N, C-alpha and C. Protein backbone atom coordinates (compact mmCIF):
# COMPACT_ATOMS: atom_id res chain seq x y z
N MET A 1 -8.65 35.65 1.47
CA MET A 1 -8.12 34.68 0.68
C MET A 1 -8.73 33.28 1.73
N PHE A 2 -8.87 32.09 0.94
CA PHE A 2 -9.41 31.30 1.76
C PHE A 2 -8.51 29.58 1.17
N LYS A 3 -8.16 29.04 1.86
CA LYS A 3 -7.72 27.44 1.76
C LYS A 3 -8.33 26.37 2.16
N ILE A 4 -8.75 25.60 1.06
CA ILE A 4 -9.35 24.20 1.66
C ILE A 4 -8.43 23.07 1.54
N SER A 5 -7.93 22.64 2.74
CA SER A 5 -6.83 21.71 3.06
C SER A 5 -7.70 19.85 2.74
N ILE A 6 -6.76 18.98 2.14
CA ILE A 6 -7.50 18.00 2.35
C ILE A 6 -6.50 17.07 2.78
N PHE A 7 -6.40 16.48 3.64
CA PHE A 7 -5.28 15.59 4.11
C PHE A 7 -5.49 14.14 4.03
N TYR A 8 -4.49 13.51 3.27
CA TYR A 8 -4.59 11.69 3.14
C TYR A 8 -3.97 11.40 3.69
N PRO A 9 -4.40 10.61 4.99
CA PRO A 9 -3.73 9.57 5.87
C PRO A 9 -2.77 8.49 5.30
N PRO A 10 -1.97 7.84 5.80
CA PRO A 10 -1.61 6.79 5.41
C PRO A 10 -2.34 5.81 5.87
N THR A 11 -2.85 4.61 4.67
CA THR A 11 -3.67 3.41 4.94
C THR A 11 -2.86 1.78 4.91
N PRO A 12 -3.45 0.79 5.21
CA PRO A 12 -2.65 -0.15 5.61
C PRO A 12 -2.08 -0.59 3.92
N SER A 13 -2.83 -0.54 3.15
CA SER A 13 -2.23 -0.75 1.54
C SER A 13 -1.51 0.26 0.76
N GLY A 14 -1.67 1.47 1.80
CA GLY A 14 -0.41 2.58 1.15
C GLY A 14 -0.94 3.25 -0.27
N ARG A 15 -1.90 2.85 -0.77
CA ARG A 15 -2.18 2.99 -2.09
C ARG A 15 -2.91 4.23 -2.17
N PHE A 16 -1.98 5.25 -3.06
CA PHE A 16 -2.34 6.74 -3.54
C PHE A 16 -1.34 6.95 -4.80
N ASP A 17 -2.29 6.96 -6.09
CA ASP A 17 -2.01 7.23 -7.21
C ASP A 17 -1.68 8.52 -7.47
N MET A 18 -0.27 8.82 -7.27
CA MET A 18 -0.27 10.48 -6.87
C MET A 18 -0.40 11.27 -8.38
N ALA A 19 -0.05 10.43 -9.53
CA ALA A 19 0.06 11.12 -10.63
C ALA A 19 -1.25 10.97 -11.13
N TYR A 20 -2.29 10.60 -10.78
CA TYR A 20 -3.72 10.71 -10.90
C TYR A 20 -4.16 11.69 -10.22
N TYR A 21 -3.92 11.87 -8.60
CA TYR A 21 -4.30 13.37 -8.39
C TYR A 21 -3.72 14.72 -8.49
N ILE A 22 -2.92 14.40 -9.20
CA ILE A 22 -1.93 15.72 -9.90
C ILE A 22 -2.37 16.54 -11.52
N GLU A 23 -2.62 14.88 -12.08
CA GLU A 23 -2.93 15.22 -13.68
C GLU A 23 -4.62 15.26 -13.76
N ARG A 24 -5.34 14.69 -13.02
CA ARG A 24 -6.41 14.55 -12.87
C ARG A 24 -7.58 14.74 -12.12
N HIS A 25 -7.80 14.48 -11.03
CA HIS A 25 -8.48 14.86 -9.85
C HIS A 25 -8.33 16.46 -9.39
N MET A 26 -7.04 16.46 -9.00
CA MET A 26 -6.98 18.34 -8.76
C MET A 26 -7.59 19.25 -9.46
N PRO A 27 -7.40 18.94 -11.06
CA PRO A 27 -7.62 20.28 -11.99
C PRO A 27 -9.39 19.71 -12.38
N MET A 28 -9.67 18.63 -12.31
CA MET A 28 -10.89 18.57 -11.97
C MET A 28 -11.55 19.32 -10.94
N VAL A 29 -11.31 18.83 -9.93
CA VAL A 29 -12.10 19.75 -8.94
C VAL A 29 -11.82 21.06 -9.24
N LYS A 30 -10.51 21.68 -9.56
CA LYS A 30 -10.67 23.10 -9.87
C LYS A 30 -11.71 23.80 -10.71
N SER A 31 -12.08 23.10 -11.87
CA SER A 31 -12.97 23.20 -12.58
C SER A 31 -13.99 23.06 -12.49
N LYS A 32 -14.34 22.81 -11.35
CA LYS A 32 -15.71 22.35 -11.06
C LYS A 32 -16.12 23.91 -10.18
N ILE A 33 -14.95 24.21 -9.58
CA ILE A 33 -15.42 25.63 -8.54
C ILE A 33 -15.00 26.64 -9.45
N GLY A 34 -14.36 26.55 -10.52
CA GLY A 34 -14.61 27.77 -11.51
C GLY A 34 -13.51 28.90 -11.26
N ASP A 35 -13.89 30.28 -11.33
CA ASP A 35 -13.15 31.27 -11.25
C ASP A 35 -12.59 31.40 -9.57
N ALA A 36 -13.66 30.93 -8.88
CA ALA A 36 -13.03 31.42 -7.40
C ALA A 36 -12.08 31.01 -7.38
N CYS A 37 -11.77 29.58 -7.79
CA CYS A 37 -10.37 28.75 -7.15
C CYS A 37 -9.40 29.32 -8.21
N VAL A 38 -8.32 30.02 -7.34
CA VAL A 38 -7.22 31.07 -7.73
C VAL A 38 -6.04 29.59 -8.36
N GLY A 39 -6.00 28.76 -7.52
CA GLY A 39 -5.31 27.93 -7.59
C GLY A 39 -4.91 26.57 -6.75
N PHE A 40 -3.98 25.72 -6.83
CA PHE A 40 -4.16 24.63 -5.89
C PHE A 40 -2.38 23.78 -5.70
N THR A 41 -2.26 23.53 -4.76
CA THR A 41 -1.24 22.65 -4.67
C THR A 41 -1.33 21.57 -4.06
N VAL A 42 -0.40 20.60 -4.01
CA VAL A 42 -0.25 19.12 -3.88
C VAL A 42 0.97 18.79 -2.86
N ASP A 43 1.17 18.52 -1.93
CA ASP A 43 2.27 17.78 -1.45
C ASP A 43 2.19 16.60 -1.39
N SER A 44 3.74 15.91 -1.14
CA SER A 44 3.80 14.58 -0.98
C SER A 44 4.52 14.42 0.28
N GLY A 45 4.29 13.77 1.47
CA GLY A 45 4.60 13.70 2.64
C GLY A 45 5.84 12.87 2.39
N LEU A 46 7.08 12.96 3.00
CA LEU A 46 8.15 12.38 3.17
C LEU A 46 8.80 12.16 4.72
N ALA A 47 8.26 12.86 5.70
CA ALA A 47 8.65 12.06 7.16
C ALA A 47 7.93 13.22 8.05
N GLY A 48 7.82 12.41 9.16
CA GLY A 48 7.08 12.97 10.31
C GLY A 48 8.15 14.25 10.96
N GLY A 49 7.86 14.76 11.76
CA GLY A 49 8.88 16.06 12.65
C GLY A 49 9.79 15.35 13.49
N ALA A 50 9.98 14.08 14.17
CA ALA A 50 10.92 13.40 15.05
C ALA A 50 11.62 12.41 14.05
N PRO A 51 13.11 12.67 13.88
CA PRO A 51 14.09 11.81 13.36
C PRO A 51 13.63 10.91 12.85
N GLY A 52 13.69 9.87 12.17
CA GLY A 52 13.07 8.39 11.48
C GLY A 52 11.25 8.11 11.34
N ALA A 53 10.63 9.53 12.01
CA ALA A 53 8.99 9.35 11.92
C ALA A 53 8.66 9.19 10.54
N PRO A 54 7.65 8.40 10.61
CA PRO A 54 6.79 8.45 8.72
C PRO A 54 6.29 10.11 8.95
N ALA A 55 5.69 10.54 7.95
CA ALA A 55 4.78 11.34 7.59
C ALA A 55 3.63 10.84 8.09
N PRO A 56 2.95 11.94 8.63
CA PRO A 56 1.53 11.49 9.02
C PRO A 56 0.34 11.53 8.23
N TYR A 57 0.81 12.08 6.89
CA TYR A 57 -0.16 11.98 5.76
C TYR A 57 0.75 11.87 4.37
N VAL A 58 0.07 10.69 3.89
CA VAL A 58 0.54 10.45 2.26
C VAL A 58 0.51 11.76 1.57
N ALA A 59 -0.16 12.73 1.24
CA ALA A 59 -0.23 13.42 0.46
C ALA A 59 -1.54 14.50 1.26
N ILE A 60 -1.27 15.89 0.95
CA ILE A 60 -2.06 17.21 1.44
C ILE A 60 -2.22 17.96 -0.07
N GLY A 61 -3.45 17.99 -0.33
CA GLY A 61 -3.86 18.96 -1.42
C GLY A 61 -4.49 20.25 -0.73
N ALA A 62 -4.25 21.00 -1.57
CA ALA A 62 -5.06 22.68 -1.13
C ALA A 62 -5.19 23.28 -2.28
N LEU A 63 -6.57 24.06 -1.96
CA LEU A 63 -7.40 24.69 -3.31
C LEU A 63 -7.67 25.83 -1.98
N MET A 64 -6.95 26.91 -3.13
CA MET A 64 -7.24 28.70 -2.76
C MET A 64 -8.22 28.82 -3.43
N VAL A 65 -9.31 29.70 -2.63
CA VAL A 65 -10.41 30.10 -3.05
C VAL A 65 -10.45 31.21 -2.52
N ASN A 66 -11.32 32.18 -3.61
CA ASN A 66 -11.48 33.83 -3.25
C ASN A 66 -13.18 33.99 -2.48
N SER A 67 -13.62 32.51 -2.35
CA SER A 67 -15.40 33.09 -2.13
C SER A 67 -15.55 31.18 -1.35
N LEU A 68 -16.00 31.45 -0.26
CA LEU A 68 -16.32 30.35 0.79
C LEU A 68 -17.74 29.88 -0.14
N GLU A 69 -18.73 30.86 -0.27
CA GLU A 69 -19.88 30.99 -1.03
C GLU A 69 -19.50 30.29 -2.41
N VAL A 70 -18.99 30.68 -3.05
CA VAL A 70 -18.77 29.95 -4.25
C VAL A 70 -18.53 28.46 -4.38
N PHE A 71 -17.61 28.32 -3.29
CA PHE A 71 -16.89 26.73 -3.26
C PHE A 71 -17.96 25.84 -2.58
N GLY A 72 -19.00 26.89 -1.57
CA GLY A 72 -19.98 26.02 -1.22
C GLY A 72 -20.85 25.13 -2.17
N ALA A 73 -21.74 26.52 -2.80
CA ALA A 73 -22.15 25.92 -3.93
C ALA A 73 -21.46 25.30 -5.27
N ALA A 74 -20.57 25.31 -5.24
CA ALA A 74 -19.76 24.21 -5.94
C ALA A 74 -19.74 22.77 -5.51
N MET A 75 -19.52 22.55 -4.50
CA MET A 75 -19.79 21.60 -3.85
C MET A 75 -21.31 20.97 -3.64
N ALA A 76 -22.16 21.63 -3.45
CA ALA A 76 -23.41 21.28 -3.65
C ALA A 76 -23.87 20.66 -4.69
N GLN A 77 -23.03 21.50 -5.57
CA GLN A 77 -23.57 20.97 -7.06
C GLN A 77 -23.03 19.83 -7.74
N HIS A 78 -21.29 19.85 -6.86
CA HIS A 78 -20.63 18.96 -7.85
C HIS A 78 -20.16 17.82 -6.71
N GLY A 79 -20.09 17.99 -5.54
CA GLY A 79 -19.79 17.30 -4.63
C GLY A 79 -19.52 15.84 -4.80
N ALA A 80 -20.79 15.29 -4.99
CA ALA A 80 -20.76 13.61 -5.28
C ALA A 80 -19.67 13.38 -6.35
N GLU A 81 -19.52 13.94 -7.69
CA GLU A 81 -18.55 13.35 -8.14
C GLU A 81 -17.28 13.86 -8.05
N ILE A 82 -17.22 14.92 -7.12
CA ILE A 82 -15.49 14.92 -6.90
C ILE A 82 -15.41 13.92 -5.68
N MET A 83 -16.17 13.99 -4.71
CA MET A 83 -16.13 12.77 -3.76
C MET A 83 -16.07 10.93 -4.43
N GLY A 84 -16.95 11.22 -5.49
CA GLY A 84 -16.48 9.86 -6.09
C GLY A 84 -15.56 9.39 -6.75
N ASP A 85 -14.71 10.11 -6.92
CA ASP A 85 -13.74 10.13 -8.00
C ASP A 85 -12.27 9.82 -6.90
N ILE A 86 -12.52 9.97 -5.84
CA ILE A 86 -11.25 9.52 -4.74
C ILE A 86 -11.17 7.91 -5.01
N VAL A 87 -12.18 7.44 -5.13
CA VAL A 87 -11.80 5.79 -5.46
C VAL A 87 -10.56 5.46 -6.07
N ASN A 88 -10.54 6.12 -7.30
CA ASN A 88 -9.56 6.15 -8.57
C ASN A 88 -8.08 6.42 -8.13
N TYR A 89 -8.21 7.30 -7.13
CA TYR A 89 -6.83 7.21 -6.53
C TYR A 89 -6.21 6.77 -5.20
N THR A 90 -6.98 6.20 -4.34
CA THR A 90 -6.71 6.35 -3.26
C THR A 90 -7.73 5.36 -2.00
N ASP A 91 -7.82 4.84 -1.48
CA ASP A 91 -8.25 4.17 -0.26
C ASP A 91 -8.36 4.62 1.21
N SER A 92 -7.58 5.81 1.18
CA SER A 92 -7.45 6.92 2.37
C SER A 92 -8.98 7.53 2.37
N GLN A 93 -9.02 7.62 3.71
CA GLN A 93 -10.32 8.52 4.18
C GLN A 93 -9.82 10.18 4.40
N PRO A 94 -10.05 10.82 3.40
CA PRO A 94 -9.55 12.25 3.31
C PRO A 94 -10.51 12.79 4.70
N VAL A 95 -9.28 13.89 5.15
CA VAL A 95 -9.94 14.93 6.18
C VAL A 95 -9.86 16.24 5.43
N MET A 96 -10.74 17.09 5.59
CA MET A 96 -10.94 18.63 5.27
C MET A 96 -10.87 19.68 6.27
N GLN A 97 -10.30 20.65 5.91
CA GLN A 97 -10.14 21.69 6.49
C GLN A 97 -10.13 23.14 6.08
N ILE A 98 -11.09 24.06 6.05
CA ILE A 98 -11.14 25.09 5.67
C ILE A 98 -10.31 26.04 6.45
N SER A 99 -9.56 27.17 5.92
CA SER A 99 -8.93 28.09 6.73
C SER A 99 -9.13 29.40 5.94
N GLU A 100 -8.73 30.45 6.99
CA GLU A 100 -8.44 31.79 6.29
C GLU A 100 -7.13 31.99 6.04
N VAL A 101 -6.63 32.26 5.09
CA VAL A 101 -5.30 32.66 4.84
C VAL A 101 -4.94 34.37 5.21
N LYS A 102 -4.24 34.29 6.74
CA LYS A 102 -4.10 35.57 7.12
C LYS A 102 -2.50 36.23 6.76
N VAL A 103 -1.63 35.18 6.13
CA VAL A 103 -0.52 35.81 5.33
C VAL A 103 -0.42 34.71 4.28
N GLY A 104 0.09 35.39 3.39
CA GLY A 104 0.56 34.71 2.24
C GLY A 104 1.52 34.82 1.23
């Protein structure tokens, strides 16, 4: 199993439409990946590790996929549409990490 994590750092404007991200963007991404995407999660940042510290990320999205090849093919085909949708919910520059899940 593989996890595609998308981290959204805070921006000066603070604009992040969580409802849009949860209800429209992530389901659209899941549908573009197809059956290789077995689910997704969305985290809303609350705080950093030190007392009173702000969260390092406004949001973190994660896609669980069982095939990096299918994920890569879906991104090659639909990546422009997926990335083009980002402006509809944030002005943050997302950071992506692909991981192999060792314990789940």
